Amino acid sequence: MVTTRSSKPATTEKPKTTDKEKKGDKDTSAPMEVEKTAEQRAEEKMNLIIHDLKAQLKEIERAVHNKEPRVISKVLRQLPRTRREVSSDALVKLIQPLNMDRKQALLNALGGQQQQQQQHEKSDSSGQLVVEGQLYLSLLILLKLLDANNHEAARELADHLVTRIGKQATRRSADPLNAKVYYYHSRVYELLGRSAEARPVYMKCLRTTSLHGEIESESVLMNVLLRNYMHNNLLDQAEKLVSKSQFPESANNNEWARYLYYTGRIKAIQLEYSDAQKTITTALRKAPQISAIGFRQSATKLLTVVDLLMGDIPERARFLQKNLEKSLQPYFHLTQSVRTGNLAEFNKVLEKYGANFKNDRTYTLILRLRHNVIKTGIRRISLSYSKISLADVSRQLALDSPEDAEFIVAKAIRDGVIDGVIDHQAGTITSNNKKDIYSTRNPEMAFDKRIQYCQQLHAQSVKAMRFPAKKFTDPLSAEERREREQTDLEFAKEMAEDDEDMF
């Protein structure tokens, strides 16, 4: 054991002072390296963003030459991510060498006039950028102005883009970009509180796009006009627009969801609760299930109120959904008050969350629930008591007098809400024996309603499916195809002559 220990070579250790000195040397040089690395990372990130933008412009140019609008739609699907990552400096650096219209005005909007003066001689000699590429870059600048809350500059740019779209020749490849411009043009005017001024422009553009068959622009303009009417409380004009026009069947699901939401709100205000319930449910099904949280919140709030107006109580799971639980809390308390038929609790909820309901534009619909609360309370009382006085009914429902209770109970009996008899002299209500629900046709009607819902869901799912384009490969030569077409034509003539002989 002793020899083994002595046979090991002695390890040489460096002095601790040297380590401290080296550590101190590293500490002194560290700030410069970190600062340099941060600058390099920022420069590399900007170069990557510019490279991505150039790739998107190439895809747009290729889509224009190949006449494939879907490629431009694919680029626009990346717009939210591009909007977050791109900076004004990156856009300035990208636009400077390009040959495009109104370059100086776009650079001025981004604050890049100094760089433009320094590099005024530099320009791309490969030719002018296609119109769709210029429109895409202008759209990115418009989004940066909106993010910077520079609404006046955004309004000027949006007005110019809409005017340019109206003057240029119709090109099917620019339809997705035009639709985005119309949407953000409406958004700018809404933020400025001047949405009514832009309404004639949208009506004119809607007529043009419907005549040219620009589906995406037409669907966006329809929703923009409906939102404009609803925002300014012009319900009659919105209803006339829906009844006098037809929404494009081949529009994307997002625009369909918006259109169904607006039409559902119109129908709810017009007391068509059954149609409104179906329409809003379809809108929620067509909307994105992961994103679009704000839309799903607004649609779920409206659907909850419509369900209550129809006499249905929403399931508790609706108020426990992720990203919806907090915003639906006032409607959860509202549902509880309606379910119990407690008019006093309903008035408390209305007083406590009145500001929320007005902000959601559901306050006027919720005011109609008072009668439903009273009917629910009357139904609960009729099930609990075989005979009760009108004074007790008035006290339990928090009504003003027994006479009001008598009128309300009489209407409930006439509408079939309860089955009972009023004794006017004694001032009492006598409930009849409860009927067996399965002896009526109510279960059959409920089952039929579910079957229709499933069939409608299947039909819409089939319509929403996309199939690859068919590629026909004809091995015949041109001369052989002409001969075959001539033979088919002669056969068709013979068939036509035979048909005439038969008559």
Protein backbone atom coordinates (compact mmCIF):
# COMPACT_ATOMS: atom_id res chain seq x y z
CA MET A 1 0.00 0.00 0.00
CA VAL A 2 2.85 2.38 0.85
CA THR A 3 4.71 1.69 -2.38
CA THR A 4 1.51 2.24 -4.39
CA ARG A 5 0.97 5.65 -2.88
CA SER A 6 4.60 6.64 -3.40
CA SER A 7 4.58 5.46 -7.02
CA LYS A 8 1.92 7.98 -8.14
CA PRO A 9 3.32 11.04 -9.91
CA ALA A 10 2.96 14.29 -8.10
CA THR A 11 0.34 16.60 -9.59
CA THR A 12 1.46 20.12 -10.38
CA GLU A 13 -0.98 22.80 -9.25
CA LYS A 14 -1.00 26.36 -10.56
CA PRO A 15 -0.77 29.15 -8.08
CA LYS A 16 -4.08 30.57 -6.98
CA THR A 17 -2.87 34.07 -7.63
CA THR A 18 -2.43 33.26 -11.28
CA ASP A 19 -6.03 31.98 -11.52
CA LYS A 20 -7.34 35.13 -9.94
CA GLU A 21 -5.27 37.24 -12.27
CA LYS A 22 -6.56 35.31 -15.28
CA LYS A 23 -10.08 35.54 -13.99
CA GLY A 24 -9.63 39.24 -13.57
CA ASP A 25 -8.31 39.53 -17.13
CA LYS A 26 -11.38 37.69 -18.44
CA ASP A 27 -13.71 39.93 -16.48
CA THR A 28 -12.14 43.04 -17.93
CA SER A 29 -12.61 41.83 -21.52
CA ALA A 30 -16.10 40.31 -21.02
CA PRO A 31 -18.24 43.49 -21.40
CA MET A 32 -16.74 44.30 -24.85
CA GLU A 33 -17.34 40.73 -26.11
CA VAL A 34 -20.96 40.69 -24.84
CA GLU A 35 -21.70 44.06 -26.40
CA LYS A 36 -20.16 42.98 -29.69
CA THR A 37 -22.07 39.71 -29.67
CA ALA A 38 -25.36 41.50 -29.00
CA GLU A 39 -24.79 43.80 -31.95
CA GLN A 40 -23.91 40.87 -34.15
CA ARG A 41 -27.00 38.97 -33.07
CA ALA A 42 -29.22 41.97 -33.81
CA GLU A 43 -27.60 42.37 -37.23
CA GLU A 44 -27.98 38.67 -38.00
CA LYS A 45 -31.62 38.74 -36.93
CA MET A 46 -32.32 41.70 -39.19
CA ASN A 47 -30.58 40.01 -42.11
CA LEU A 48 -32.65 36.86 -41.57
CA ILE A 49 -35.87 38.90 -41.52
CA ILE A 50 -34.86 40.70 -44.71
CA HIS A 51 -34.01 37.36 -46.31
CA ASP A 52 -37.47 36.04 -45.39
CA LEU A 53 -39.14 39.14 -46.83
CA LYS A 54 -37.20 38.77 -50.06
CA ALA A 55 -38.27 35.13 -50.27
CA GLN A 56 -41.89 36.19 -49.76
CA LEU A 57 -41.59 38.78 -52.53
CA LYS A 58 -40.18 36.12 -54.86
CA GLU A 59 -43.10 33.83 -54.05
CA ILE A 60 -45.54 36.66 -54.77
CA GLU A 61 -43.83 37.40 -58.10
CA ARG A 62 -43.89 33.72 -59.05
CA ALA A 63 -47.59 33.52 -58.10
CA VAL A 64 -48.34 36.50 -60.35
CA HIS A 65 -46.59 34.95 -63.33
CA ASN A 66 -48.21 31.54 -62.76
CA LYS A 67 -51.62 33.11 -61.91
CA GLU A 68 -51.90 31.26 -58.58
CA PRO A 69 -53.66 33.43 -55.94
CA ARG A 70 -53.40 30.62 -53.38
CA VAL A 71 -49.64 31.16 -53.17
CA ILE A 72 -50.25 34.78 -52.17
CA SER A 73 -52.79 33.58 -49.61
CA LYS A 74 -50.09 31.28 -48.22
CA VAL A 75 -47.77 34.29 -47.81
CA LEU A 76 -50.53 36.28 -46.11
CA ARG A 77 -51.06 33.49 -43.59
CA GLN A 78 -47.57 34.31 -42.32
CA LEU A 79 -48.53 37.97 -41.88
CA PRO A 80 -49.09 37.87 -38.07
CA ARG A 81 -45.63 36.38 -37.48
CA THR A 82 -44.04 38.78 -39.98
CA ARG A 83 -45.79 41.69 -38.30
CA ARG A 84 -44.29 40.76 -34.93
CA GLU A 85 -40.76 40.16 -36.18
CA VAL A 86 -40.20 42.83 -38.80
CA SER A 87 -38.98 46.27 -37.73
CA SER A 88 -39.05 49.66 -39.39
CA ASP A 89 -35.27 49.57 -39.93
CA ALA A 90 -35.57 46.21 -41.69
CA LEU A 91 -38.27 47.57 -43.99
CA VAL A 92 -36.17 50.64 -44.77
CA LYS A 93 -33.14 48.49 -45.56
CA LEU A 94 -35.28 46.25 -47.78
CA ILE A 95 -37.05 49.03 -49.70
CA GLN A 96 -34.01 51.23 -50.42
CA PRO A 97 -32.50 49.15 -53.27
CA LEU A 98 -35.89 48.27 -54.82
CA ASN A 99 -37.37 49.91 -57.88
CA MET A 100 -40.97 50.71 -56.91
CA ASP A 101 -43.53 53.52 -56.95
CA ARG A 102 -43.77 56.08 -54.12
CA LYS A 103 -40.59 54.75 -52.51
CA GLN A 104 -39.72 58.11 -50.98
CA ALA A 105 -43.19 58.47 -49.42
CA LEU A 106 -43.01 54.99 -47.92
CA LEU A 107 -39.56 55.65 -46.49
CA ASN A 108 -40.77 58.92 -45.03
CA ALA A 109 -43.65 57.09 -43.34
CA LEU A 110 -41.11 54.73 -41.75
CA GLY A 111 -38.79 57.59 -40.78
CA GLY A 112 -36.10 56.54 -43.22
CA GLN A 113 -35.58 59.79 -45.13
CA GLN A 114 -31.99 60.24 -43.90
CA GLN A 115 -30.95 56.82 -45.07
CA GLN A 116 -32.66 57.49 -48.40
CA GLN A 117 -30.61 60.67 -48.86
CA GLN A 118 -27.37 58.86 -48.07
CA GLN A 119 -28.09 55.96 -50.45
CA HIS A 120 -30.05 57.82 -53.08
CA GLU A 121 -27.89 56.50 -55.93
CA LYS A 122 -28.36 52.82 -55.00
CA SER A 123 -31.21 51.07 -56.81
CA ASP A 124 -32.02 47.65 -58.13
CA SER A 125 -31.42 47.35 -61.85
CA SER A 126 -33.31 44.06 -62.20
CA GLY A 127 -36.56 45.81 -63.05
CA GLN A 128 -39.54 47.24 -61.21
CA LEU A 129 -41.19 45.25 -58.46
CA VAL A 130 -44.54 43.72 -59.40
CA VAL A 131 -47.69 45.53 -58.26
CA GLU A 132 -48.59 42.76 -55.80
CA GLY A 133 -45.14 42.97 -54.20
CA GLN A 134 -45.46 46.73 -53.80
CA LEU A 135 -48.90 46.26 -52.29
CA TYR A 136 -47.54 43.70 -49.82
CA LEU A 137 -44.72 46.02 -48.67
CA SER A 138 -47.19 48.90 -48.33
CA LEU A 139 -49.41 46.65 -46.23
CA LEU A 140 -46.48 45.87 -43.90
CA ILE A 141 -45.78 49.58 -43.51
CA LEU A 142 -49.45 50.19 -42.74
CA LEU A 143 -49.28 47.58 -39.97
CA LYS A 144 -46.16 49.18 -38.49
CA LEU A 145 -47.91 52.54 -38.43
CA LEU A 146 -50.87 50.97 -36.63
CA ASP A 147 -48.56 49.33 -34.08
CA ALA A 148 -46.91 52.70 -33.47
CA ASN A 149 -50.36 54.34 -32.96
CA ASN A 150 -49.63 56.72 -35.85
CA HIS A 151 -53.23 56.64 -37.02
CA GLU A 152 -53.18 59.73 -39.22
CA ALA A 153 -50.25 58.50 -41.28
CA ALA A 154 -51.89 55.08 -41.45
CA ARG A 155 -55.12 56.69 -42.70
CA GLU A 156 -53.29 58.54 -45.49
CA LEU A 157 -51.51 55.38 -46.60
CA ALA A 158 -54.70 53.29 -46.41
CA ASP A 159 -56.64 55.86 -48.46
CA HIS A 160 -53.93 55.82 -51.12
CA LEU A 161 -53.93 52.02 -51.29
CA VAL A 162 -57.72 51.82 -51.66
CA THR A 163 -57.62 54.49 -54.38
CA ARG A 164 -54.83 52.65 -56.16
CA ILE A 165 -56.77 49.38 -56.03
CA GLY A 166 -59.78 51.09 -57.62
CA LYS A 167 -57.73 52.61 -60.46
CA GLN A 168 -55.53 49.67 -61.42
CA ALA A 169 -56.62 46.94 -63.80
CA THR A 170 -58.37 43.94 -62.29
CA ARG A 171 -55.91 41.15 -61.51
CA ARG A 172 -57.12 37.99 -59.84
CA SER A 173 -53.75 37.46 -58.12
CA ALA A 174 -54.14 40.74 -56.18
CA ASP A 175 -57.48 39.72 -54.68
CA PRO A 176 -56.08 38.38 -51.33
CA LEU A 177 -53.92 41.50 -50.88
CA ASN A 178 -56.83 43.81 -51.73
CA ALA A 179 -58.95 42.07 -49.11
CA LYS A 180 -56.32 42.71 -46.43
CA VAL A 181 -56.09 46.36 -47.43
CA TYR A 182 -59.87 46.79 -47.14
CA TYR A 183 -59.87 45.19 -43.70
CA TYR A 184 -57.10 47.38 -42.25
CA HIS A 185 -58.54 50.47 -43.93
CA SER A 186 -61.73 49.84 -41.96
CA ARG A 187 -59.70 49.25 -38.81
CA VAL A 188 -57.89 52.59 -39.16
CA TYR A 189 -61.12 54.54 -39.56
CA GLU A 190 -62.68 52.69 -36.64
CA LEU A 191 -59.75 53.60 -34.39
CA LEU A 192 -60.09 57.23 -35.46
CA GLY A 193 -63.83 57.18 -34.72
CA ARG A 194 -64.68 58.07 -38.33
CA SER A 195 -66.07 54.78 -39.56
CA ALA A 196 -69.19 56.42 -41.03
CA GLU A 197 -67.06 58.41 -43.49
CA ALA A 198 -65.66 55.29 -45.14
CA ARG A 199 -69.02 53.57 -45.69
CA PRO A 200 -69.67 54.97 -49.22
CA VAL A 201 -66.20 53.81 -50.29
CA TYR A 202 -66.94 50.26 -49.16
CA MET A 203 -70.29 50.20 -50.96
CA LYS A 204 -68.63 51.25 -54.21
CA CYS A 205 -65.84 48.69 -53.79
CA LEU A 206 -68.38 45.96 -52.99
CA ARG A 207 -70.22 46.56 -56.25
CA THR A 208 -66.94 46.42 -58.18
CA THR A 209 -65.63 43.26 -56.53
CA SER A 210 -68.96 41.43 -56.93
CA LEU A 211 -68.99 42.22 -60.66
CA HIS A 212 -65.38 41.10 -61.12
CA GLY A 213 -65.83 37.92 -59.09
CA GLU A 214 -63.17 38.79 -56.48
CA ILE A 215 -64.35 36.42 -53.79
CA GLU A 216 -61.99 37.29 -50.93
CA SER A 217 -62.42 41.05 -51.34
CA GLU A 218 -66.19 40.69 -51.63
CA SER A 219 -66.46 38.61 -48.45
CA VAL A 220 -64.23 41.01 -46.49
CA LEU A 221 -66.18 44.05 -47.69
CA MET A 222 -69.48 42.41 -46.72
CA ASN A 223 -68.21 41.86 -43.18
CA VAL A 224 -66.67 45.32 -43.03
CA LEU A 225 -70.00 46.92 -43.96
CA LEU A 226 -71.94 44.77 -41.48
CA ARG A 227 -69.50 45.70 -38.73
CA ASN A 228 -69.79 49.35 -39.74
CA TYR A 229 -73.59 49.25 -39.57
CA MET A 230 -73.63 47.41 -36.24
CA HIS A 231 -71.02 49.75 -34.77
CA ASN A 232 -73.20 52.76 -35.65
CA ASN A 233 -76.47 51.04 -34.53
CA LEU A 234 -77.88 50.97 -38.08
CA LEU A 235 -79.71 47.68 -37.76
CA ASP A 236 -82.18 48.26 -40.61
CA GLN A 237 -79.40 48.96 -43.12
CA ALA A 238 -77.51 45.88 -41.97
CA GLU A 239 -80.62 43.71 -42.38
CA LYS A 240 -81.23 45.11 -45.87
CA LEU A 241 -77.63 44.38 -46.87
CA VAL A 242 -77.98 40.76 -45.73
CA SER A 243 -81.34 40.28 -47.46
CA LYS A 244 -80.41 42.01 -50.74
CA SER A 245 -76.98 40.41 -51.22
CA GLN A 246 -75.53 36.92 -51.14
CA PHE A 247 -72.36 36.01 -49.30
CA PRO A 248 -69.81 34.11 -51.47
CA GLU A 249 -70.09 30.37 -50.91
CA SER A 250 -66.37 29.77 -51.52
CA ALA A 251 -65.20 32.31 -48.94
CA ASN A 252 -62.78 31.07 -46.28
CA ASN A 253 -63.95 29.90 -42.87
CA ASN A 254 -62.75 33.01 -41.03
CA GLU A 255 -64.89 35.32 -43.13
CA TRP A 256 -67.81 32.90 -42.90
CA ALA A 257 -67.50 32.91 -39.10
CA ARG A 258 -67.59 36.73 -39.00
CA TYR A 259 -70.55 36.89 -41.36
CA LEU A 260 -72.52 34.32 -39.36
CA TYR A 261 -71.76 36.17 -36.12
CA TYR A 262 -73.09 39.47 -37.49
CA THR A 263 -76.19 37.85 -39.00
CA GLY A 264 -76.78 35.98 -35.74
CA ARG A 265 -76.71 39.24 -33.81
CA ILE A 266 -79.17 40.79 -36.26
CA LYS A 267 -81.56 37.86 -35.90
CA ALA A 268 -81.31 37.95 -32.11
CA ILE A 269 -82.30 41.62 -32.05
CA GLN A 270 -85.20 40.85 -34.40
CA LEU A 271 -86.55 38.19 -31.97
CA GLU A 272 -85.57 35.28 -34.26
CA TYR A 273 -83.88 33.40 -31.44
CA SER A 274 -83.97 29.92 -32.99
CA ASP A 275 -82.24 31.04 -36.20
CA ALA A 276 -79.81 33.15 -34.19
CA GLN A 277 -78.86 30.16 -32.05
CA LYS A 278 -78.10 28.00 -35.09
CA THR A 279 -76.18 30.77 -36.83
CA ILE A 280 -73.96 31.67 -33.86
CA THR A 281 -73.27 27.99 -33.13
CA THR A 282 -72.12 27.52 -36.73
CA ALA A 283 -69.94 30.63 -36.44
CA LEU A 284 -68.21 29.22 -33.37
CA ARG A 285 -67.66 25.92 -35.16
CA LYS A 286 -66.10 27.61 -38.20
CA ALA A 287 -63.88 29.92 -36.12
CA PRO A 288 -60.33 28.84 -35.16
CA GLN A 289 -60.40 26.73 -32.01
CA ILE A 290 -56.94 27.72 -30.71
CA SER A 291 -56.54 31.35 -31.73
CA ALA A 292 -59.21 34.06 -32.21
CA ILE A 293 -59.88 34.21 -28.47
CA GLY A 294 -61.62 37.58 -28.66
CA PHE A 295 -64.03 36.39 -31.33
CA ARG A 296 -64.88 33.23 -29.41
CA GLN A 297 -65.50 35.28 -26.28
CA SER A 298 -67.91 37.66 -28.04
CA ALA A 299 -69.72 34.85 -29.86
CA THR A 300 -70.04 32.74 -26.69
CA LYS A 301 -71.46 35.68 -24.74
CA LEU A 302 -74.07 36.31 -27.42
CA LEU A 303 -74.90 32.61 -27.67
CA THR A 304 -75.40 32.39 -23.90
CA VAL A 305 -77.91 35.25 -23.93
CA VAL A 306 -79.76 33.74 -26.91
CA ASP A 307 -79.95 30.36 -25.17
CA LEU A 308 -81.44 32.00 -22.10
CA LEU A 309 -83.96 33.89 -24.22
CA MET A 310 -85.05 30.58 -25.77
CA GLY A 311 -85.56 29.09 -22.31
CA ASP A 312 -82.48 26.83 -22.45
CA ILE A 313 -79.92 26.76 -19.66
CA PRO A 314 -76.31 26.50 -20.96
CA GLU A 315 -74.13 23.74 -19.58
CA ARG A 316 -71.67 24.57 -16.84
CA ALA A 317 -68.75 23.38 -18.98
CA ARG A 318 -69.23 26.39 -21.27
CA PHE A 319 -68.15 28.75 -18.49
CA LEU A 320 -65.11 26.65 -17.59
CA GLN A 321 -63.37 26.76 -20.98
CA LYS A 322 -59.78 27.88 -21.14
CA ASN A 323 -59.33 31.59 -21.97
CA LEU A 324 -63.10 32.12 -21.55
CA GLU A 325 -63.69 31.55 -17.84
CA LYS A 326 -62.83 35.07 -16.67
CA SER A 327 -64.70 36.93 -19.40
CA LEU A 328 -67.82 34.74 -19.01
CA GLN A 329 -68.09 35.21 -15.24
CA PRO A 330 -70.87 37.88 -15.47
CA TYR A 331 -72.85 35.60 -17.79
CA PHE A 332 -72.38 32.69 -15.39
CA HIS A 333 -74.03 34.68 -12.60
CA LEU A 334 -76.72 35.79 -15.04
CA THR A 335 -77.42 32.17 -15.94
CA GLN A 336 -77.69 31.22 -12.28
CA SER A 337 -80.25 33.95 -11.62
CA VAL A 338 -82.33 32.90 -14.63
CA ARG A 339 -82.12 29.20 -13.74
CA THR A 340 -83.40 29.79 -10.20
CA GLY A 341 -86.08 32.23 -11.34
CA ASN A 342 -85.04 34.76 -8.72
CA LEU A 343 -85.98 38.20 -9.96
CA ALA A 344 -84.23 39.99 -7.10
CA GLU A 345 -80.96 38.18 -7.86
CA PHE A 346 -81.41 38.98 -11.55
CA ASN A 347 -81.72 42.69 -10.76
CA LYS A 348 -78.57 42.52 -8.61
CA VAL A 349 -76.58 40.89 -11.42
CA LEU A 350 -77.89 43.47 -13.87
CA GLU A 351 -76.83 46.30 -11.57
CA LYS A 352 -73.41 44.81 -10.79
CA TYR A 353 -72.37 43.86 -14.33
CA GLY A 354 -74.37 46.44 -16.28
CA ALA A 355 -71.20 48.13 -17.57
CA ASN A 356 -69.85 44.81 -18.87
CA PHE A 357 -73.10 44.01 -20.63
CA LYS A 358 -73.22 47.44 -22.27
CA ASN A 359 -69.62 47.10 -23.40
CA ASP A 360 -70.48 43.70 -24.95
CA ARG A 361 -73.59 45.20 -26.63
CA THR A 362 -75.83 42.59 -25.01
CA TYR A 363 -77.57 44.84 -22.44
CA THR A 364 -80.76 45.34 -24.46
CA LEU A 365 -81.06 41.59 -25.06
CA ILE A 366 -80.51 40.85 -21.38
CA LEU A 367 -83.30 43.24 -20.42
CA ARG A 368 -85.67 40.90 -22.28
CA LEU A 369 -84.71 38.10 -19.89
CA ARG A 370 -86.81 39.60 -17.09
CA HIS A 371 -89.91 37.91 -18.45
CA ASN A 372 -88.02 34.60 -18.73
CA VAL A 373 -86.90 34.88 -15.12
CA ILE A 374 -90.50 35.39 -14.04
CA LYS A 375 -91.70 32.43 -16.12
CA THR A 376 -89.00 30.22 -14.63
CA GLY A 377 -90.02 31.30 -11.14
CA ILE A 378 -93.67 30.60 -11.87
CA ARG A 379 -92.81 27.15 -13.24
CA ARG A 380 -90.76 26.38 -10.12
CA ILE A 381 -93.59 27.53 -7.85
CA SER A 382 -96.18 25.45 -9.74
CA LEU A 383 -94.02 22.35 -9.33
CA SER A 384 -93.46 23.01 -5.62
CA TYR A 385 -97.02 23.90 -4.58
CA SER A 386 -100.31 22.31 -5.53
CA LYS A 387 -102.12 25.43 -4.33
CA ILE A 388 -100.70 28.86 -3.45
CA SER A 389 -102.08 32.36 -3.06
CA LEU A 390 -101.29 35.16 -5.49
CA ALA A 391 -99.90 37.26 -2.64
CA ASP A 392 -97.28 34.59 -1.91
CA VAL A 393 -96.42 34.37 -5.61
CA SER A 394 -95.98 38.13 -5.73
CA ARG A 395 -93.73 38.06 -2.68
CA GLN A 396 -91.55 35.20 -3.96
CA LEU A 397 -91.14 36.75 -7.41
CA ALA A 398 -90.51 40.27 -6.00
CA LEU A 399 -93.44 41.73 -7.94
CA ASP A 400 -95.22 44.98 -7.11
CA SER A 401 -98.68 43.60 -6.25
CA PRO A 402 -100.82 40.42 -6.35
CA GLU A 403 -102.64 41.89 -9.37
CA ASP A 404 -99.41 41.88 -11.36
CA ALA A 405 -98.83 38.29 -10.29
CA GLU A 406 -102.32 37.36 -11.46
CA PHE A 407 -101.78 38.85 -14.93
CA ILE A 408 -98.38 37.16 -15.29
CA VAL A 409 -99.68 33.77 -14.14
CA ALA A 410 -102.66 34.02 -16.51
CA LYS A 411 -100.30 34.66 -19.44
CA ALA A 412 -98.09 31.74 -18.34
CA ILE A 413 -101.12 29.43 -18.32
CA ARG A 414 -102.19 30.63 -21.76
CA ASP A 415 -98.66 30.13 -23.20
CA GLY A 416 -98.49 26.62 -21.75
CA VAL A 417 -95.68 27.40 -19.31
CA ILE A 418 -97.65 25.92 -16.41
CA ASP A 419 -100.81 23.84 -16.15
CA GLY A 420 -103.12 25.31 -13.53
CA VAL A 421 -106.32 27.20 -12.71
CA ILE A 422 -106.70 30.67 -11.14
CA ASP A 423 -109.41 31.24 -8.56
CA HIS A 424 -110.01 34.97 -8.86
CA GLN A 425 -112.33 35.24 -5.85
CA ALA A 426 -110.08 33.32 -3.47
CA GLY A 427 -106.90 34.74 -5.05
CA THR A 428 -105.20 31.36 -5.38
CA ILE A 429 -103.59 29.19 -8.06
CA THR A 430 -104.25 25.46 -8.22
CA SER A 431 -101.76 23.34 -10.17
CA ASN A 432 -103.01 20.34 -12.12
CA ASN A 433 -101.30 16.97 -12.08
CA LYS A 434 -98.00 16.93 -13.98
CA LYS A 435 -98.18 15.14 -17.33
CA ASP A 436 -95.71 12.48 -18.38
CA ILE A 437 -93.29 14.09 -20.80
CA TYR A 438 -92.87 10.83 -22.69
CA SER A 439 -96.57 10.78 -23.53
CA THR A 440 -96.06 13.89 -25.66
CA ARG A 441 -94.04 14.49 -28.85
CA ASN A 442 -91.38 16.58 -27.10
CA PRO A 443 -88.76 13.77 -26.97
CA GLU A 444 -89.34 13.03 -30.66
CA MET A 445 -88.88 16.70 -31.58
CA ALA A 446 -85.71 16.98 -29.51
CA PHE A 447 -84.28 13.85 -31.14
CA ASP A 448 -85.19 15.15 -34.61
CA LYS A 449 -83.46 18.44 -33.82
CA ARG A 450 -80.23 16.62 -32.95
CA ILE A 451 -80.41 14.52 -36.12
CA GLN A 452 -80.79 17.63 -38.26
CA TYR A 453 -77.82 19.22 -36.51
CA CYS A 454 -75.61 16.18 -37.22
CA GLN A 455 -76.68 16.08 -40.88
CA GLN A 456 -75.98 19.78 -41.29
CA LEU A 457 -72.56 19.37 -39.67
CA HIS A 458 -71.72 16.49 -42.03
CA ALA A 459 -72.82 18.44 -45.10
CA GLN A 460 -70.80 21.52 -44.17
CA SER A 461 -67.74 19.40 -43.36
CA VAL A 462 -67.88 17.82 -46.81
CA LYS A 463 -68.17 21.27 -48.42
CA ALA A 464 -65.17 22.54 -46.46
CA MET A 465 -62.89 19.72 -47.66
CA ARG A 466 -60.22 20.53 -50.24
CA PHE A 467 -59.08 18.13 -52.92
CA PRO A 468 -55.94 18.32 -55.10
CA ALA A 469 -56.38 19.59 -58.61
CA LYS A 470 -56.89 16.88 -61.21
CA LYS A 471 -53.99 16.41 -63.60
CA PHE A 472 -55.06 15.01 -66.95
CA THR A 473 -52.33 13.20 -68.84
CA ASP A 474 -53.38 12.44 -72.40
CA PRO A 475 -50.88 10.19 -74.22
CA LEU A 476 -52.52 10.90 -77.60
CA SER A 477 -51.01 13.29 -80.07
CA ALA A 478 -52.69 16.47 -81.23
CA GLU A 479 -53.86 14.90 -84.52
CA GLU A 480 -55.30 11.86 -82.73
CA ARG A 481 -57.17 14.12 -80.27
CA ARG A 482 -58.71 16.06 -83.17
CA GLU A 483 -59.85 12.84 -84.79
CA ARG A 484 -61.36 11.65 -81.53
CA GLU A 485 -63.18 14.96 -81.04
CA GLN A 486 -64.54 14.77 -84.60
CA THR A 487 -65.80 11.23 -83.95
CA ASP A 488 -67.47 12.33 -80.72
CA LEU A 489 -69.12 15.26 -82.52
CA GLU A 490 -70.53 13.01 -85.22
CA PHE A 491 -71.80 10.57 -82.59
CA ALA A 492 -73.52 13.42 -80.72
CA LYS A 493 -75.24 14.55 -83.94
CA GLU A 494 -76.51 11.04 -84.57
CA MET A 495 -77.86 10.82 -81.02
CA ALA A 496 -79.63 14.18 -81.47
CA GLU A 497 -81.25 13.01 -84.71
CA ASP A 498 -82.43 9.80 -83.00
CA ASP A 499 -83.98 11.85 -80.20
CA GLU A 500 -85.85 14.01 -82.71
CA ASP A 501 -87.16 10.90 -84.46
CA MET A 502 -88.51 9.58 -81.19
CA PHE A 503 -90.66 12.68 -80.71
